Amino acid sequence: MDDELIGMELPRSQGGLIRLVEILLDTLCASLLVLMTAITTIDVVGRYFFHAPLYGAYESNELLLGILVFAALPRVTWHQKHLTVTALSAALSPKLQQFQQRALSLVSAVCLLVLSYFLWRHGAQLASYGDMSNALGLPLAPFAYAIAVFTAISALASFAHVVLPTTPQS
C-alpha cells in the first residue's frame, strides 16, 4: 500500500512534548473516524434492512467531521504537509527559499491565530445563546471551542517554523 502512496507516509516527531501531542491527536482522529464509520454503518443497515435509520446520524457525523478536520490540522501544519504550489520556489536561491518559507509560515500563523480568536468568540456567542444542534439537541459551543483550540495549536506550529532554526519537514 505504501508503494501506491509515495510520499504520503505519516510523519512522526522523535519525542518529547511534540510527540505526546501527536499521539493524542492521532488517537483522537482515529477514534473520530471509527465513530463516524460506526454511525454511518448503523444508519445504513438500519435504513435499508430495518427501515429505521439512526436518528441524528447525519448531524452527528457533520459535527464530528468538523472536529476531525481541525484536530488533524496541527500535525499537517507542524510537518508542513499542506498542499503547495512550488512554481516560484524553483527560481529562488536557497536563501530566498528559506525566507519565503518563513514568511509564508508567519502569514499562516497570523491567519490561524486570527481565525482561532474569532472561532473562540463564536463559541462564546453560541454558549450565550444556548444554541443547540437541530436533531440531537447537543450544545454547539463546545464544538466551536474545540475547533478554536485546534486552530490555535496549528498557529503555534506554524509560528514555530518562523522562530526555530530547524523544524521538521517530514
N, C-alpha and C. Protein backbone atom coordinates (compact mmCIF):
# COMPACT_ATOMS: atom_id res chain seq x y z
N MET A 1 0.82 -1.18 0.00
CA MET A 1 0.00 0.00 0.00
C MET A 1 0.86 1.25 0.00
N ASP A 2 1.99 1.24 0.71
CA ASP A 2 2.86 2.41 0.73
C ASP A 2 3.42 2.71 -0.65
N ASP A 3 3.55 1.68 -1.51
CA ASP A 3 4.05 1.91 -2.86
C ASP A 3 3.07 2.74 -3.68
N GLU A 4 1.78 2.64 -3.38
CA GLU A 4 0.78 3.39 -4.11
C GLU A 4 0.73 4.84 -3.67
N LEU A 5 1.12 5.13 -2.45
CA LEU A 5 1.04 6.48 -1.90
C LEU A 5 2.43 7.01 -1.57
N ILE A 6 3.26 7.12 -2.59
CA ILE A 6 4.63 7.57 -2.38
C ILE A 6 4.61 8.98 -1.82
N GLY A 7 5.37 9.18 -0.76
CA GLY A 7 5.45 10.50 -0.13
C GLY A 7 4.30 10.79 0.81
N MET A 8 3.42 9.81 1.04
CA MET A 8 2.26 10.04 1.89
C MET A 8 2.41 9.33 3.24
N GLU A 9 3.65 9.06 3.63
CA GLU A 9 3.87 8.41 4.92
C GLU A 9 3.47 9.37 6.03
N LEU A 10 3.04 8.81 7.14
CA LEU A 10 2.67 9.62 8.29
C LEU A 10 3.93 10.04 9.03
N PRO A 11 4.25 11.34 9.01
CA PRO A 11 5.46 11.78 9.71
C PRO A 11 5.29 11.71 11.22
N ARG A 12 6.38 11.45 11.90
CA ARG A 12 6.35 11.37 13.36
C ARG A 12 7.54 12.15 13.92
N SER A 13 7.31 12.89 14.98
CA SER A 13 8.39 13.58 15.66
C SER A 13 9.13 12.58 16.54
N GLN A 14 10.36 12.93 16.93
CA GLN A 14 11.21 12.00 17.66
C GLN A 14 10.76 11.75 19.09
N GLY A 15 10.34 12.75 19.80
CA GLY A 15 9.96 12.52 21.19
C GLY A 15 9.56 13.82 21.86
N GLY A 16 9.40 13.73 23.15
CA GLY A 16 9.07 14.91 23.93
C GLY A 16 7.61 15.32 23.83
N LEU A 17 7.38 16.58 24.13
CA LEU A 17 6.03 17.13 24.16
C LEU A 17 5.35 17.07 22.80
N ILE A 18 6.09 17.36 21.74
CA ILE A 18 5.51 17.35 20.40
C ILE A 18 5.01 15.95 20.06
N ARG A 19 5.79 14.94 20.38
CA ARG A 19 5.38 13.55 20.09
C ARG A 19 4.15 13.18 20.91
N LEU A 20 4.08 13.62 22.16
CA LEU A 20 2.92 13.34 23.00
C LEU A 20 1.67 13.98 22.40
N VAL A 21 1.79 15.22 21.96
CA VAL A 21 0.65 15.89 21.31
C VAL A 21 0.24 15.14 20.05
N GLU A 22 1.22 14.69 19.26
CA GLU A 22 0.92 13.91 18.06
C GLU A 22 0.16 12.64 18.39
N ILE A 23 0.59 11.93 19.43
CA ILE A 23 -0.08 10.69 19.83
C ILE A 23 -1.53 10.98 20.23
N LEU A 24 -1.72 12.04 21.01
CA LEU A 24 -3.09 12.41 21.43
C LEU A 24 -3.95 12.78 20.23
N LEU A 25 -3.40 13.57 19.32
CA LEU A 25 -4.16 13.96 18.12
C LEU A 25 -4.45 12.75 17.23
N ASP A 26 -3.46 11.86 17.07
CA ASP A 26 -3.67 10.64 16.28
C ASP A 26 -4.78 9.79 16.88
N THR A 27 -4.74 9.64 18.20
CA THR A 27 -5.75 8.84 18.89
C THR A 27 -7.13 9.45 18.72
N LEU A 28 -7.22 10.76 18.87
CA LEU A 28 -8.49 11.45 18.69
C LEU A 28 -9.00 11.28 17.27
N CYS A 29 -8.15 11.53 16.29
CA CYS A 29 -8.57 11.42 14.89
C CYS A 29 -9.01 9.99 14.53
N ALA A 30 -8.24 9.01 14.97
CA ALA A 30 -8.61 7.62 14.69
C ALA A 30 -9.92 7.26 15.36
N SER A 31 -10.10 7.71 16.59
CA SER A 31 -11.35 7.44 17.31
C SER A 31 -12.55 8.09 16.61
N LEU A 32 -12.36 9.32 16.16
CA LEU A 32 -13.44 10.00 15.44
C LEU A 32 -13.79 9.29 14.15
N LEU A 33 -12.77 8.82 13.43
CA LEU A 33 -13.03 8.09 12.19
C LEU A 33 -13.79 6.79 12.44
N VAL A 34 -13.38 6.07 13.48
CA VAL A 34 -14.07 4.83 13.83
C VAL A 34 -15.51 5.12 14.24
N LEU A 35 -15.70 6.15 15.04
CA LEU A 35 -17.04 6.52 15.48
C LEU A 35 -17.92 6.94 14.30
N MET A 36 -17.37 7.73 13.40
CA MET A 36 -18.13 8.16 12.22
C MET A 36 -18.48 6.96 11.32
N THR A 37 -17.54 6.04 11.19
CA THR A 37 -17.80 4.83 10.40
C THR A 37 -18.89 3.99 11.04
N ALA A 38 -18.83 3.84 12.36
CA ALA A 38 -19.86 3.07 13.07
C ALA A 38 -21.23 3.72 12.93
N ILE A 39 -21.28 5.03 13.09
CA ILE A 39 -22.56 5.74 12.96
C ILE A 39 -23.14 5.55 11.56
N THR A 40 -22.28 5.71 10.55
CA THR A 40 -22.75 5.55 9.17
C THR A 40 -23.20 4.12 8.89
N THR A 41 -22.45 3.15 9.39
CA THR A 41 -22.80 1.74 9.18
C THR A 41 -24.14 1.41 9.84
N ILE A 42 -24.30 1.82 11.07
CA ILE A 42 -25.55 1.57 11.79
C ILE A 42 -26.71 2.27 11.09
N ASP A 43 -26.48 3.49 10.61
CA ASP A 43 -27.52 4.23 9.91
C ASP A 43 -27.92 3.53 8.62
N VAL A 44 -26.94 3.10 7.83
CA VAL A 44 -27.24 2.44 6.55
C VAL A 44 -27.93 1.10 6.77
N VAL A 45 -27.41 0.29 7.69
CA VAL A 45 -28.04 -1.01 7.97
C VAL A 45 -29.46 -0.80 8.50
N GLY A 46 -29.61 0.12 9.41
CA GLY A 46 -30.95 0.40 9.94
C GLY A 46 -31.90 0.90 8.87
N ARG A 47 -31.41 1.75 8.00
CA ARG A 47 -32.25 2.34 6.95
C ARG A 47 -32.70 1.30 5.92
N TYR A 48 -31.77 0.46 5.45
CA TYR A 48 -32.08 -0.44 4.35
C TYR A 48 -32.60 -1.80 4.78
N PHE A 49 -32.26 -2.25 5.97
CA PHE A 49 -32.72 -3.57 6.39
C PHE A 49 -33.89 -3.51 7.37
N PHE A 50 -33.94 -2.46 8.17
CA PHE A 50 -34.99 -2.38 9.18
C PHE A 50 -35.92 -1.18 8.99
N HIS A 51 -35.68 -0.42 7.94
CA HIS A 51 -36.47 0.78 7.65
C HIS A 51 -36.52 1.71 8.86
N ALA A 52 -35.41 1.76 9.59
CA ALA A 52 -35.31 2.61 10.78
C ALA A 52 -33.91 3.20 10.84
N PRO A 53 -33.70 4.34 10.17
CA PRO A 53 -32.37 4.95 10.20
C PRO A 53 -32.00 5.43 11.60
N LEU A 54 -30.72 5.59 11.82
CA LEU A 54 -30.24 6.07 13.10
C LEU A 54 -30.55 7.55 13.23
N TYR A 55 -31.32 7.90 14.24
CA TYR A 55 -31.73 9.28 14.43
C TYR A 55 -30.51 10.16 14.72
N GLY A 56 -30.36 11.24 13.98
CA GLY A 56 -29.28 12.18 14.19
C GLY A 56 -27.94 11.76 13.60
N ALA A 57 -27.94 10.73 12.74
CA ALA A 57 -26.68 10.24 12.18
C ALA A 57 -25.98 11.31 11.34
N TYR A 58 -26.73 11.95 10.47
CA TYR A 58 -26.14 12.97 9.60
C TYR A 58 -25.57 14.11 10.44
N GLU A 59 -26.34 14.57 11.39
CA GLU A 59 -25.91 15.69 12.23
C GLU A 59 -24.68 15.34 13.06
N SER A 60 -24.66 14.15 13.63
CA SER A 60 -23.51 13.77 14.45
C SER A 60 -22.25 13.64 13.59
N ASN A 61 -22.38 13.06 12.40
CA ASN A 61 -21.22 12.96 11.52
C ASN A 61 -20.74 14.34 11.07
N GLU A 62 -21.67 15.24 10.87
CA GLU A 62 -21.33 16.61 10.48
C GLU A 62 -20.49 17.28 11.58
N LEU A 63 -20.91 17.16 12.81
CA LEU A 63 -20.19 17.75 13.93
C LEU A 63 -18.84 17.07 14.15
N LEU A 64 -18.83 15.75 14.07
CA LEU A 64 -17.58 15.00 14.26
C LEU A 64 -16.57 15.30 13.16
N LEU A 65 -17.05 15.49 11.93
CA LEU A 65 -16.15 15.80 10.82
C LEU A 65 -15.47 17.14 11.03
N GLY A 66 -16.21 18.11 11.55
CA GLY A 66 -15.60 19.40 11.85
C GLY A 66 -14.46 19.27 12.85
N ILE A 67 -14.69 18.50 13.89
CA ILE A 67 -13.64 18.27 14.88
C ILE A 67 -12.46 17.52 14.25
N LEU A 68 -12.76 16.50 13.44
CA LEU A 68 -11.71 15.70 12.82
C LEU A 68 -10.79 16.55 11.95
N VAL A 69 -11.35 17.38 11.11
CA VAL A 69 -10.54 18.21 10.21
C VAL A 69 -9.61 19.12 11.01
N PHE A 70 -10.15 19.78 12.02
CA PHE A 70 -9.32 20.72 12.78
C PHE A 70 -8.39 20.01 13.76
N ALA A 71 -8.70 18.79 14.16
CA ALA A 71 -7.80 18.02 15.02
C ALA A 71 -6.59 17.53 14.22
N ALA A 72 -6.76 17.33 12.93
CA ALA A 72 -5.65 16.91 12.07
C ALA A 72 -4.77 18.09 11.65
N LEU A 73 -5.31 19.29 11.68
CA LEU A 73 -4.59 20.47 11.20
C LEU A 73 -3.26 20.74 11.91
N PRO A 74 -3.15 20.58 13.23
CA PRO A 74 -1.84 20.84 13.86
C PRO A 74 -0.72 19.94 13.35
N ARG A 75 -1.03 18.68 13.10
CA ARG A 75 0.00 17.76 12.60
C ARG A 75 0.41 18.13 11.18
N VAL A 76 -0.56 18.44 10.36
CA VAL A 76 -0.28 18.83 8.98
C VAL A 76 0.58 20.09 8.97
N THR A 77 0.25 21.02 9.85
CA THR A 77 0.99 22.28 9.92
C THR A 77 2.40 22.06 10.45
N TRP A 78 2.53 21.29 11.52
CA TRP A 78 3.85 21.05 12.12
C TRP A 78 4.81 20.40 11.12
N HIS A 79 4.30 19.44 10.36
CA HIS A 79 5.15 18.72 9.41
C HIS A 79 5.14 19.35 8.03
N GLN A 80 4.50 20.50 7.89
CA GLN A 80 4.42 21.24 6.63
C GLN A 80 3.99 20.35 5.47
N LYS A 81 2.87 19.68 5.66
CA LYS A 81 2.35 18.78 4.64
C LYS A 81 1.12 19.35 3.93
N HIS A 82 0.95 20.68 4.00
CA HIS A 82 -0.15 21.32 3.28
C HIS A 82 0.09 21.18 1.78
N LEU A 83 -0.98 21.25 1.02
CA LEU A 83 -0.83 21.30 -0.43
C LEU A 83 -0.16 22.60 -0.80
N THR A 84 0.84 22.53 -1.66
CA THR A 84 1.58 23.72 -2.03
C THR A 84 1.80 23.76 -3.54
N VAL A 85 1.99 24.95 -4.05
CA VAL A 85 2.37 25.16 -5.44
C VAL A 85 3.78 25.73 -5.41
N THR A 86 4.71 25.06 -6.07
CA THR A 86 6.11 25.46 -5.97
C THR A 86 6.64 26.05 -7.28
N ALA A 87 5.80 26.71 -8.05
CA ALA A 87 6.23 27.27 -9.32
C ALA A 87 7.31 28.33 -9.15
N LEU A 88 7.19 29.16 -8.14
CA LEU A 88 8.16 30.23 -7.91
C LEU A 88 9.40 29.73 -7.18
N SER A 89 9.25 28.76 -6.34
CA SER A 89 10.35 28.30 -5.48
C SER A 89 11.55 27.81 -6.28
N ALA A 90 11.32 27.16 -7.41
CA ALA A 90 12.43 26.62 -8.19
C ALA A 90 13.34 27.72 -8.71
N ALA A 91 12.82 28.92 -8.91
CA ALA A 91 13.61 30.02 -9.45
C ALA A 91 14.37 30.78 -8.36
N LEU A 92 14.11 30.47 -7.11
CA LEU A 92 14.72 31.20 -6.00
C LEU A 92 15.99 30.50 -5.50
N SER A 93 16.90 31.29 -4.97
CA SER A 93 18.10 30.72 -4.35
C SER A 93 17.68 30.03 -3.05
N PRO A 94 18.54 29.16 -2.51
CA PRO A 94 18.20 28.51 -1.24
C PRO A 94 17.91 29.50 -0.11
N LYS A 95 18.65 30.60 -0.04
CA LYS A 95 18.40 31.62 1.00
C LYS A 95 17.02 32.25 0.81
N LEU A 96 16.68 32.58 -0.43
CA LEU A 96 15.36 33.17 -0.70
C LEU A 96 14.24 32.16 -0.46
N GLN A 97 14.50 30.89 -0.76
CA GLN A 97 13.50 29.84 -0.48
C GLN A 97 13.25 29.76 1.02
N GLN A 98 14.31 29.83 1.80
CA GLN A 98 14.15 29.78 3.26
C GLN A 98 13.39 31.00 3.75
N PHE A 99 13.70 32.17 3.21
CA PHE A 99 12.98 33.38 3.58
C PHE A 99 11.50 33.27 3.19
N GLN A 100 11.26 32.76 2.00
CA GLN A 100 9.88 32.57 1.53
C GLN A 100 9.11 31.64 2.47
N GLN A 101 9.74 30.53 2.86
CA GLN A 101 9.09 29.57 3.76
C GLN A 101 8.76 30.22 5.10
N ARG A 102 9.70 30.96 5.65
CA ARG A 102 9.47 31.62 6.94
C ARG A 102 8.39 32.69 6.83
N ALA A 103 8.41 33.44 5.74
CA ALA A 103 7.39 34.47 5.54
C ALA A 103 6.00 33.84 5.41
N LEU A 104 5.91 32.77 4.64
CA LEU A 104 4.62 32.08 4.49
C LEU A 104 4.16 31.47 5.82
N SER A 105 5.09 30.96 6.58
CA SER A 105 4.74 30.40 7.89
C SER A 105 4.24 31.50 8.82
N LEU A 106 4.86 32.67 8.75
CA LEU A 106 4.41 33.79 9.58
C LEU A 106 3.00 34.23 9.18
N VAL A 107 2.75 34.35 7.90
CA VAL A 107 1.41 34.73 7.42
C VAL A 107 0.40 33.67 7.85
N SER A 108 0.75 32.41 7.71
CA SER A 108 -0.15 31.32 8.13
C SER A 108 -0.43 31.38 9.62
N ALA A 109 0.62 31.61 10.40
CA ALA A 109 0.47 31.67 11.87
C ALA A 109 -0.47 32.80 12.25
N VAL A 110 -0.29 33.96 11.65
CA VAL A 110 -1.14 35.10 11.98
C VAL A 110 -2.58 34.82 11.57
N CYS A 111 -2.78 34.30 10.36
CA CYS A 111 -4.14 33.99 9.89
C CYS A 111 -4.82 32.95 10.78
N LEU A 112 -4.08 31.91 11.15
CA LEU A 112 -4.64 30.88 12.02
C LEU A 112 -4.96 31.43 13.41
N LEU A 113 -4.12 32.31 13.90
CA LEU A 113 -4.37 32.91 15.22
C LEU A 113 -5.61 33.79 15.19
N VAL A 114 -5.76 34.58 14.14
CA VAL A 114 -6.95 35.42 13.99
C VAL A 114 -8.20 34.54 13.86
N LEU A 115 -8.09 33.49 13.06
CA LEU A 115 -9.22 32.57 12.90
C LEU A 115 -9.58 31.93 14.23
N SER A 116 -8.57 31.52 15.00
CA SER A 116 -8.82 30.91 16.30
C SER A 116 -9.53 31.88 17.23
N TYR A 117 -9.11 33.11 17.23
CA TYR A 117 -9.74 34.14 18.06
C TYR A 117 -11.23 34.29 17.71
N PHE A 118 -11.53 34.39 16.43
CA PHE A 118 -12.93 34.56 16.03
C PHE A 118 -13.76 33.30 16.25
N LEU A 119 -13.13 32.13 16.12
CA LEU A 119 -13.83 30.89 16.44
C LEU A 119 -14.16 30.82 17.92
N TRP A 120 -13.23 31.26 18.77
CA TRP A 120 -13.47 31.27 20.22
C TRP A 120 -14.61 32.23 20.54
N ARG A 121 -14.59 33.40 19.93
CA ARG A 121 -15.67 34.37 20.15
C ARG A 121 -17.01 33.81 19.67
N HIS A 122 -16.98 33.10 18.55
CA HIS A 122 -18.21 32.48 18.05
C HIS A 122 -18.72 31.43 19.04
N GLY A 123 -17.79 30.65 19.61
CA GLY A 123 -18.17 29.67 20.62
C GLY A 123 -18.80 30.34 21.83
N ALA A 124 -18.25 31.48 22.24
CA ALA A 124 -18.82 32.22 23.37
C ALA A 124 -20.22 32.74 23.04
N GLN A 125 -20.39 33.17 21.80
CA GLN A 125 -21.71 33.63 21.37
C GLN A 125 -22.71 32.48 21.35
N LEU A 126 -22.28 31.32 20.83
CA LEU A 126 -23.16 30.14 20.82
C LEU A 126 -23.53 29.75 22.25
N ALA A 127 -22.56 29.83 23.16
CA ALA A 127 -22.83 29.48 24.56
C ALA A 127 -23.81 30.47 25.19
N SER A 128 -23.64 31.75 24.89
CA SER A 128 -24.53 32.75 25.49
C SER A 128 -25.96 32.63 24.99
N TYR A 129 -26.11 32.19 23.75
CA TYR A 129 -27.45 31.98 23.18
C TYR A 129 -28.03 30.63 23.57
N GLY A 130 -27.15 29.73 23.99
CA GLY A 130 -27.60 28.37 24.29
C GLY A 130 -27.94 27.59 23.03
N ASP A 131 -27.25 27.89 21.93
CA ASP A 131 -27.54 27.21 20.66
C ASP A 131 -27.30 25.71 20.77
N MET A 132 -28.24 24.98 20.20
CA MET A 132 -28.18 23.51 20.21
C MET A 132 -28.32 23.00 18.78
N SER A 133 -27.83 21.79 18.55
CA SER A 133 -27.99 21.18 17.24
C SER A 133 -29.48 20.84 17.04
N ASN A 134 -29.89 20.75 15.80
CA ASN A 134 -31.31 20.57 15.50
C ASN A 134 -31.87 19.23 15.93
N ALA A 135 -31.24 18.15 15.50
CA ALA A 135 -31.82 16.82 15.74
C ALA A 135 -31.51 16.29 17.14
N LEU A 136 -30.26 16.38 17.54
CA LEU A 136 -29.83 15.76 18.80
C LEU A 136 -29.89 16.69 20.00
N GLY A 137 -30.02 17.97 19.75
CA GLY A 137 -30.07 18.92 20.85
C GLY A 137 -28.76 19.05 21.61
N LEU A 138 -27.63 18.83 20.91
CA LEU A 138 -26.32 18.97 21.54
C LEU A 138 -25.92 20.44 21.56
N PRO A 139 -25.29 20.90 22.63
CA PRO A 139 -24.81 22.29 22.64
C PRO A 139 -23.68 22.44 21.61
N LEU A 140 -23.73 23.52 20.84
CA LEU A 140 -22.76 23.72 19.77
C LEU A 140 -21.49 24.42 20.24
N ALA A 141 -21.55 25.13 21.35
CA ALA A 141 -20.39 25.89 21.82
C ALA A 141 -19.15 25.00 22.04
N PRO A 142 -19.26 23.83 22.66
CA PRO A 142 -18.05 23.02 22.85
C PRO A 142 -17.35 22.64 21.54
N PHE A 143 -18.13 22.45 20.50
CA PHE A 143 -17.54 22.13 19.20
C PHE A 143 -16.75 23.33 18.67
N ALA A 144 -17.32 24.52 18.80
CA ALA A 144 -16.63 25.74 18.36
C ALA A 144 -15.37 25.97 19.19
N TYR A 145 -15.46 25.75 20.50
CA TYR A 145 -14.28 25.92 21.36
C TYR A 145 -13.18 24.93 20.98
N ALA A 146 -13.54 23.68 20.75
CA ALA A 146 -12.55 22.67 20.38
C ALA A 146 -11.87 23.04 19.06
N ILE A 147 -12.66 23.48 18.09
CA ILE A 147 -12.09 23.87 16.81
C ILE A 147 -11.17 25.07 16.99
N ALA A 148 -11.54 26.01 17.85
CA ALA A 148 -10.69 27.18 18.13
C ALA A 148 -9.37 26.75 18.75
N VAL A 149 -9.41 25.80 19.67
CA VAL A 149 -8.18 25.33 20.32
C VAL A 149 -7.27 24.63 19.31
N PHE A 150 -7.83 23.76 18.47
CA PHE A 150 -7.02 23.08 17.46
C PHE A 150 -6.41 24.08 16.48
N THR A 151 -7.16 25.12 16.15
CA THR A 151 -6.65 26.15 15.25
C THR A 151 -5.52 26.92 15.92
N ALA A 152 -5.64 27.19 17.21
CA ALA A 152 -4.57 27.89 17.95
C ALA A 152 -3.31 27.02 18.01
N ILE A 153 -3.48 25.74 18.22
CA ILE A 153 -2.32 24.83 18.23
C ILE A 153 -1.65 24.85 16.85
N SER A 154 -2.46 24.88 15.81
CA SER A 154 -1.91 24.96 14.45
C SER A 154 -1.16 26.27 14.24
N ALA A 155 -1.66 27.36 14.80
CA ALA A 155 -0.97 28.65 14.70
C ALA A 155 0.39 28.57 15.39
N LEU A 156 0.44 27.93 16.55
CA LEU A 156 1.72 27.76 17.26
C LEU A 156 2.68 26.91 16.43
N ALA A 157 2.17 25.87 15.81
CA ALA A 157 3.02 25.02 14.97
C ALA A 157 3.57 25.81 13.79
N SER A 158 2.74 26.63 13.19
CA SER A 158 3.19 27.44 12.06
C SER A 158 4.20 28.49 12.53
N PHE A 159 3.94 29.10 13.67
CA PHE A 159 4.86 30.10 14.21
C PHE A 159 6.21 29.47 14.55
N ALA A 160 6.22 28.22 14.95
CA ALA A 160 7.47 27.53 15.26
C ALA A 160 8.38 27.48 14.04
N HIS A 161 7.80 27.39 12.86
CA HIS A 161 8.61 27.36 11.63
C HIS A 161 9.25 28.71 11.34
N VAL A 162 8.75 29.75 11.96
CA VAL A 162 9.33 31.08 11.79
C VAL A 162 10.50 31.28 12.74
N VAL A 163 10.35 30.85 13.99
CA VAL A 163 11.34 31.17 15.02
C VAL A 163 12.38 30.09 15.28
N LEU A 164 12.05 28.85 15.04
CA LEU A 164 13.03 27.78 15.30
C LEU A 164 14.01 27.68 14.16
N PRO A 165 15.28 27.42 14.46
CA PRO A 165 16.27 27.35 13.39
C PRO A 165 15.98 26.22 12.41
N THR A 166 15.60 25.08 12.93
CA THR A 166 15.21 23.97 12.05
C THR A 166 13.96 23.35 12.62
N THR A 167 13.01 23.12 11.76
CA THR A 167 11.78 22.46 12.16
C THR A 167 11.58 21.26 11.25
N PRO A 168 10.83 20.28 11.70
CA PRO A 168 10.71 19.04 10.93
C PRO A 168 10.03 19.26 9.58
N GLN A 169 10.57 18.63 8.56
CA GLN A 169 9.97 18.64 7.24
C GLN A 169 9.26 17.33 6.96
N SER A 170 9.57 16.31 7.72
CA SER A 170 8.94 15.01 7.48
C SER A 170 8.51 14.38 8.78
